[in-house]
C-alpha atoms as a PDB file:
ATOM      1  CA  MET A   1      -1.193  33.154  -8.025  1.00  0.00           C
ATOM      2  CA  ASN A   2      -3.842  30.471  -8.242  1.00  0.00           C
ATOM      3  CA  GLU A   3      -4.579  27.617  -5.906  1.00  0.00           C
ATOM      4  CA  ALA A   4      -4.108  24.270  -7.608  1.00  0.00           C
ATOM      5  CA  ASN A   5      -6.864  23.244  -9.939  1.00  0.00           C
ATOM      6  CA  VAL A   6      -6.961  19.542  -9.183  1.00  0.00           C
ATOM      7  CA  ASP A   7      -8.735  18.549 -12.418  1.00  0.00           C
ATOM      8  CA  GLY A   8      -5.949  18.694 -15.001  1.00  0.00           C
ATOM      9  CA  VAL A   9      -2.800  18.707 -12.901  1.00  0.00           C
ATOM     10  CA  ALA A  10      -3.422  16.341  -9.980  1.00  0.00           C
ATOM     11  CA  SER A  11      -0.597  14.003 -10.953  1.00  0.00           C
ATOM     12  CA  ARG A  12       1.960  16.848 -10.724  1.00  0.00           C
ATOM     13  CA  VAL A  13       0.623  18.562  -7.579  1.00  0.00           C
ATOM     14  CA  LEU A  14       1.057  17.081  -4.101  1.00  0.00           C
ATOM     15  CA  GLN A  15      -2.275  16.249  -2.480  1.00  0.00           C
ATOM     16  CA  PRO A  16      -2.718  16.040   1.306  1.00  0.00           C
ATOM     17  CA  PHE A  17      -2.613  12.535   2.755  1.00  0.00           C
ATOM     18  CA  GLU A  18      -2.888  10.968   6.199  1.00  0.00           C
ATOM     19  CA  THR A  19       0.319  11.246   8.172  1.00  0.00           C
ATOM     20  CA  ASP A  20       1.631  11.743  11.677  1.00  0.00           C
ATOM     21  CA  ASN A  21       4.610  13.789  10.456  1.00  0.00           C
ATOM     22  CA  PRO A  22       4.134  17.152  12.276  1.00  0.00           C
ATOM     23  CA  TYR A  23       5.852  19.111   9.500  1.00  0.00           C
ATOM     24  CA  LEU A  24       3.583  17.652   6.825  1.00  0.00           C
ATOM     25  CA  LEU A  25       0.508  18.369   8.943  1.00  0.00           C
ATOM     26  CA  LYS A  26       1.572  22.034   9.177  1.00  0.00           C
ATOM     27  CA  LEU A  27       2.396  22.059   5.469  1.00  0.00           C
ATOM     28  CA  PHE A  28      -1.044  20.760   4.453  1.00  0.00           C
ATOM     29  CA  ALA A  29      -2.700  23.446   6.613  1.00  0.00           C
ATOM     30  CA  HIS A  30      -0.526  26.336   5.332  1.00  0.00           C
ATOM     31  CA  ARG A  31      -2.252  28.999   3.225  1.00  0.00           C
ATOM     32  CA  ALA A  32       0.477  28.792   0.557  1.00  0.00           C
ATOM     33  CA  PHE A  33       0.369  24.992   0.151  1.00  0.00           C
ATOM     34  CA  ARG A  34      -0.505  24.173  -3.491  1.00  0.00           C
ATOM     35  CA  VAL A  35      -0.383  27.864  -4.468  1.00  0.00           C
ATOM     36  CA  PHE A  36       1.728  28.681  -7.527  1.00  0.00           C
ATOM     37  CA  PRO A  37       1.706  30.772 -10.716  1.00  0.00           C
ATOM     38  CA  PRO A  38      -0.619  29.546 -13.499  1.00  0.00           C
ATOM     39  CA  GLY A  39       1.050  26.970 -15.743  1.00  0.00           C
ATOM     40  CA  THR A  40       3.618  25.867 -13.149  1.00  0.00           C
ATOM     41  CA  PRO A  41       2.567  22.164 -13.059  1.00  0.00           C
ATOM     42  CA  GLU A  42       2.807  22.045 -16.864  1.00  0.00           C
ATOM     43  CA  LEU A  43       6.218  23.744 -16.720  1.00  0.00           C
ATOM     44  CA  LEU A  44       7.362  21.143 -14.193  1.00  0.00           C
ATOM     45  CA  ALA A  45       6.020  18.281 -16.329  1.00  0.00           C
ATOM     46  CA  ASP A  46       7.947  19.559 -19.382  1.00  0.00           C
ATOM     47  CA  LEU A  47      11.357  19.460 -17.654  1.00  0.00           C
ATOM     48  CA  ASP A  48      13.684  16.604 -18.600  1.00  0.00           C
ATOM     49  CA  THR A  49      15.105  16.311 -15.077  1.00  0.00           C
ATOM     50  CA  VAL A  50      11.815  15.589 -13.274  1.00  0.00           C
ATOM     51  CA  ALA A  51      11.394  12.234 -11.528  1.00  0.00           C
ATOM     52  CA  ASP A  52       8.242  10.252 -12.317  1.00  0.00           C
ATOM     53  CA  ASP A  53       6.960  10.655  -8.755  1.00  0.00           C
ATOM     54  CA  GLU A  54       8.046  14.293  -8.265  1.00  0.00           C
ATOM     55  CA  GLN A  55       5.181  16.605  -7.324  1.00  0.00           C
ATOM     56  CA  LEU A  56       4.751  20.352  -6.928  1.00  0.00           C
ATOM     57  CA  VAL A  57       4.235  21.674  -3.387  1.00  0.00           C
ATOM     58  CA  ALA A  58       4.215  25.457  -4.001  1.00  0.00           C
ATOM     59  CA  GLY A  59       5.744  28.083  -6.255  1.00  0.00           C
ATOM     60  CA  VAL A  60       6.268  31.782  -6.885  1.00  0.00           C
ATOM     61  CA  ARG A  61       6.931  33.808 -10.019  1.00  0.00           C
ATOM     62  CA  VAL A  62      10.400  35.388  -9.871  1.00  0.00           C
ATOM     63  CA  GLY A  63      12.757  37.355 -12.074  1.00  0.00           C
ATOM     64  CA  ARG A  64      16.383  36.617 -12.732  1.00  0.00           C
ATOM     65  CA  GLY A  65      17.801  39.795 -14.151  1.00  0.00           C
ATOM     66  CA  LEU A  66      15.662  42.352 -15.954  1.00  0.00           C
ATOM     67  CA  MET A  67      14.500  40.157 -18.837  1.00  0.00           C
ATOM     68  CA  GLU A  68      14.145  36.626 -17.513  1.00  0.00           C
ATOM     69  CA  LYS A  69      10.996  35.578 -15.659  1.00  0.00           C
ATOM     70  CA  GLY A  70      10.395  32.092 -14.318  1.00  0.00           C
ATOM     71  CA  ALA A  71       9.026  30.055 -11.432  1.00  0.00           C
ATOM     72  CA  LEU A  72      10.784  29.143  -8.208  1.00  0.00           C
ATOM     73  CA  MET A  73       9.192  25.894  -6.970  1.00  0.00           C
ATOM     74  CA  VAL A  74       9.339  23.598  -3.986  1.00  0.00           C
ATOM     75  CA  THR A  75       8.695  20.024  -5.090  1.00  0.00           C
ATOM     76  CA  THR A  76       8.742  16.741  -3.221  1.00  0.00           C
ATOM     77  CA  HIS A  77      12.322  16.237  -4.450  1.00  0.00           C
ATOM     78  CA  TRP A  78      13.997  19.622  -5.007  1.00  0.00           C
ATOM     79  CA  LEU A  79      13.923  23.371  -4.853  1.00  0.00           C
ATOM     80  CA  ARG A  80      13.631  24.246  -8.560  1.00  0.00           C
ATOM     81  CA  TYR A  81      13.857  27.256 -10.828  1.00  0.00           C
ATOM     82  CA  ALA A  82      12.533  26.957 -14.362  1.00  0.00           C
ATOM     83  CA  SER A  83      11.650  29.300 -17.191  1.00  0.00           C
ATOM     84  CA  LYS A  84      10.288  28.856 -20.709  1.00  0.00           C
ATOM     85  CA  GLY A  85      11.141  30.481 -24.010  1.00  0.00           C
ATOM     86  CA  ARG A  86      14.250  30.900 -26.113  1.00  0.00           C
ATOM     87  CA  ARG A  87      16.495  30.801 -23.076  1.00  0.00           C
ATOM     88  CA  ALA A  88      14.664  28.120 -21.100  1.00  0.00           C
ATOM     89  CA  LYS A  89      16.248  27.326 -17.741  1.00  0.00           C
ATOM     90  CA  ASP A  90      16.084  24.300 -15.470  1.00  0.00           C
ATOM     91  CA  GLY A  91      17.936  24.457 -12.177  1.00  0.00           C
ATOM     92  CA  PHE A  92      17.425  22.431  -9.013  1.00  0.00           C
ATOM     93  CA  TRP A  93      18.957  22.266  -5.551  1.00  0.00           C
ATOM     94  CA  ASP A  94      18.800  19.909  -2.565  1.00  0.00           C
ATOM     95  CA  LEU A  95      16.151  20.584   0.050  1.00  0.00           C
ATOM     96  CA  ASP A  96      18.844  21.311   2.627  1.00  0.00           C
ATOM     97  CA  GLY A  97      17.650  24.557   4.186  1.00  0.00           C
ATOM     98  CA  SER A  98      19.984  26.802   2.135  1.00  0.00           C
ATOM     99  CA  LEU A  99      17.280  29.023   0.598  1.00  0.00           C
ATOM    100  CA  GLY A 100      17.756  32.617   1.706  1.00  0.00           C
ATOM    101  CA  ILE A 101      14.969  35.201   1.543  1.00  0.00           C
ATOM    102  CA  LYS A 102      15.499  38.940   1.798  1.00  0.00           C
ATOM    103  CA  THR A 103      12.337  40.910   2.577  1.00  0.00           C
ATOM    104  CA  ASP A 104      13.817  44.179   3.874  1.00  0.00           C
ATOM    105  CA  LEU A 105      11.485  47.152   4.082  1.00  0.00           C
ATOM    106  CA  GLY A 106      11.787  49.440   1.083  1.00  0.00           C
ATOM    107  CA  TYR A 107      13.286  46.742  -1.163  1.00  0.00           C
ATOM    108  CA  PRO A 108      11.574  44.176  -3.387  1.00  0.00           C
ATOM    109  CA  PRO A 109      11.783  40.609  -2.001  1.00  0.00           C
ATOM    110  CA  GLY A 110      14.684  38.498  -3.220  1.00  0.00           C
ATOM    111  CA  PHE A 111      15.641  34.827  -2.991  1.00  0.00           C
ATOM    112  CA  ARG A 112      19.158  33.387  -2.921  1.00  0.00           C
ATOM    113  CA  ILE A 113      20.291  29.786  -3.334  1.00  0.00           C
ATOM    114  CA  GLY A 114      24.041  29.416  -3.212  1.00  0.00           C
ATOM    115  CA  GLY A 115      25.355  31.889  -5.793  1.00  0.00           C
ATOM    116  CA  ASN A 116      22.014  32.237  -7.590  1.00  0.00           C
ATOM    117  CA  ALA A 117      19.889  35.328  -6.920  1.00  0.00           C
ATOM    118  CA  PHE A 118      16.212  35.581  -7.877  1.00  0.00           C
ATOM    119  CA  GLY A 119      14.013  38.649  -7.656  1.00  0.00           C
ATOM    120  CA  GLY A 120      15.126  41.829  -5.976  1.00  0.00           C
ATOM    121  CA  ASN A 121      14.749  43.875  -9.185  1.00  0.00           C
ATOM    122  CA  ARG A 122      13.242  47.356  -9.158  1.00  0.00           C
ATOM    123  CA  THR A 123       9.782  45.919  -9.833  1.00  0.00           C
ATOM    124  CA  PRO A 124       8.872  43.125  -7.443  1.00  0.00           C
ATOM    125  CA  ILE A 125       7.280  40.060  -9.027  1.00  0.00           C
ATOM    126  CA  VAL A 126       6.340  38.541  -5.714  1.00  0.00           C
ATOM    127  CA  GLY A 127       5.190  40.493  -2.657  1.00  0.00           C
ATOM    128  CA  ARG A 128       6.697  40.354   0.827  1.00  0.00           C
ATOM    129  CA  ARG A 129       3.868  38.152   2.134  1.00  0.00           C
ATOM    130  CA  GLU A 130       4.209  35.673  -0.759  1.00  0.00           C
ATOM    131  CA  ALA A 131       7.998  35.562  -0.282  1.00  0.00           C
ATOM    132  CA  ASN A 132       7.610  34.831   3.449  1.00  0.00           C
ATOM    133  CA  ASP A 133       4.914  32.195   2.756  1.00  0.00           C
ATOM    134  CA  PHE A 134       7.168  30.506   0.211  1.00  0.00           C
ATOM    135  CA  GLY A 135      10.024  30.468   2.744  1.00  0.00           C
ATOM    136  CA  GLU A 136       7.743  28.864   5.336  1.00  0.00           C
ATOM    137  CA  ILE A 137       6.632  26.189   2.851  1.00  0.00           C
ATOM    138  CA  TYR A 138      10.271  25.474   1.997  1.00  0.00           C
ATOM    139  CA  ALA A 139      11.200  25.166   5.689  1.00  0.00           C
ATOM    140  CA  LEU A 140       8.283  22.780   6.337  1.00  0.00           C
ATOM    141  CA  VAL A 141       9.300  20.537   3.409  1.00  0.00           C
ATOM    142  CA  VAL A 142      12.910  20.502   4.667  1.00  0.00           C
ATOM    143  CA  GLY A 143      11.668  19.668   8.185  1.00  0.00           C
ATOM    144  CA  ALA A 144       9.372  16.914   6.887  1.00  0.00           C
ATOM    145  CA  GLY A 145      12.285  15.263   5.080  1.00  0.00           C
ATOM    146  CA  GLY A 146      14.453  15.430   8.202  1.00  0.00           C
ATOM    147  CA  HIS A 147      11.639  13.945  10.287  1.00  0.00           C
ATOM    148  CA  ILE A 148      11.230  11.055   7.829  1.00  0.00           C
ATOM    149  CA  ARG A 149      14.998  10.387   7.805  1.00  0.00           C
ATOM    150  CA  GLN A 150      15.053  10.370  11.625  1.00  0.00           C
ATOM    151  CA  GLU A 151      12.114   7.943  11.759  1.00  0.00           C
ATOM    152  CA  LEU A 152      13.863   5.686   9.248  1.00  0.00           C
ATOM    153  CA  HIS A 153      17.060   5.766  11.267  1.00  0.00           C
ATOM    154  CA  THR A 154      15.174   4.924  14.476  1.00  0.00           C
ATOM    155  CA  THR A 155      13.206   2.151  12.734  1.00  0.00           C
ATOM    156  CA  ALA A 156      16.359   0.708  11.174  1.00  0.00           C
ATOM    157  CA  GLN A 157      18.146   0.664  14.541  1.00  0.00           C
ATOM    158  CA  ALA A 158      15.176  -1.010  16.244  1.00  0.00           C
ATOM    159  CA  SER A 159      14.950  -3.511  13.413  1.00  0.00           C
ATOM    160  CA  MET A 160      18.622  -4.403  13.653  1.00  0.00           C
ATOM    161  CA  ALA A 161      18.387  -4.759  17.440  1.00  0.00           C
ATOM    162  CA  SER A 162      15.457  -7.173  17.201  1.00  0.00           C
ATOM    163  CA  ARG A 163      16.278  -9.047  14.006  1.00  0.00           C
ATOM    164  CA  ASP A 164      15.537 -12.492  15.441  1.00  0.00           C
ATOM    165  CA  GLY A 165      16.061 -14.124  12.085  1.00  0.00           C
ATOM    166  CA  VAL A 166      14.197 -11.538  10.018  1.00  0.00           C
ATOM    167  CA  GLY A 167      15.814 -11.568   6.593  1.00  0.00           C
ATOM    168  CA  THR A 168      17.171  -8.735   4.546  1.00  0.00           C
ATOM    169  CA  ALA A 169      14.582  -9.400   1.845  1.00  0.00           C
ATOM    170  CA  SER A 170      11.685  -8.761   4.228  1.00  0.00           C
ATOM    171  CA  GLU A 171      13.289  -5.499   5.418  1.00  0.00           C
ATOM    172  CA  ILE A 172      13.644  -4.338   1.826  1.00  0.00           C
ATOM    173  CA  LYS A 173      10.010  -5.299   1.187  1.00  0.00           C
ATOM    174  CA  GLU A 174       8.967  -3.156   4.164  1.00  0.00           C
ATOM    175  CA  LEU A 175      10.985  -0.230   2.811  1.00  0.00           C
ATOM    176  CA  ALA A 176       9.443  -0.724  -0.643  1.00  0.00           C
ATOM    177  CA  ALA A 177       5.975  -0.641   0.910  1.00  0.00           C
ATOM    178  CA  LEU A 178       6.838   2.657   2.619  1.00  0.00           C
ATOM    179  CA  ARG A 179       8.041   4.025  -0.714  1.00  0.00           C
ATOM    180  CA  ASP A 180       4.948   2.799  -2.565  1.00  0.00           C
ATOM    181  CA  ASN A 181       2.699   4.397   0.069  1.00  0.00           C
ATOM    182  CA  GLY A 182       4.488   7.719  -0.462  1.00  0.00           C
ATOM    183  CA  ASP A 183       6.119   7.707   2.983  1.00  0.00           C
ATOM    184  CA  LEU A 184       9.600   7.565   1.400  1.00  0.00           C
ATOM    185  CA  SER A 185      10.928   9.212  -1.732  1.00  0.00           C
ATOM    186  CA  GLN A 186      12.905   7.043  -4.170  1.00  0.00           C
ATOM    187  CA  MET A 187      16.110   8.652  -2.912  1.00  0.00           C
ATOM    188  CA  GLU A 188      15.289   7.890   0.739  1.00  0.00           C
ATOM    189  CA  PHE A 189      14.320   4.322  -0.202  1.00  0.00           C
ATOM    190  CA  GLU A 190      17.653   3.758  -1.966  1.00  0.00           C
ATOM    191  CA  ALA A 191      19.612   5.145   1.004  1.00  0.00           C
ATOM    192  CA  ALA A 192      17.728   2.957   3.494  1.00  0.00           C
ATOM    193  CA  LYS A 193      18.092  -0.108   1.245  1.00  0.00           C
ATOM    194  CA  ALA A 194      21.862   0.488   1.026  1.00  0.00           C
ATOM    195  CA  ARG A 195      22.039   0.640   4.835  1.00  0.00           C
ATOM    196  CA  VAL A 196      20.127  -2.658   5.133  1.00  0.00           C
ATOM    197  CA  LEU A 197      22.314  -4.378   2.550  1.00  0.00           C
ATOM    198  CA  GLY A 198      25.455  -2.982   4.164  1.00  0.00           C
ATOM    199  CA  SER A 199      24.502  -4.280   7.605  1.00  0.00           C
ATOM    200  CA  ASP A 200      24.751  -7.944   6.614  1.00  0.00           C
END
């Protein structure tokens, strides 16, 4: 696996930024942050289901059965599996903490998301250390999203308690600024906006 080469793929790879989110701070310092198989940012960019602002956080090369090889990725929006070739695949799941990792001694590492199993074949594609690192990255991204949602909830409650004539439009502008600064994903922005509009 290669660390991200920022020259050609910067727009598809998450770069560290200033934040007080403890999960993001740990993520940016993790040894597996921005580590992925060669060609993964290009693979991500070629998928039809990718959001314009979706960025790669980390990835590992995995097998799905004996013949199919692809990349399991954590992005800013999803946990994704994708492969190229005649039987190209594109699957994605919510960042909800449901990724399972099996790294039992004597067995190749394996990943499981719902009913989908990756790896665990006779020949491991990813080592035990890489599998554990990937799981830690995934957990940090899930934690960062939960932290952001909690901050939004707290901010929204404080805002509603001290409205003092502040209009809905200004609240939506504040949320849009958070989104534009990268503090909120588009999905989180839409959810917060719906809460603001629903509170009137």
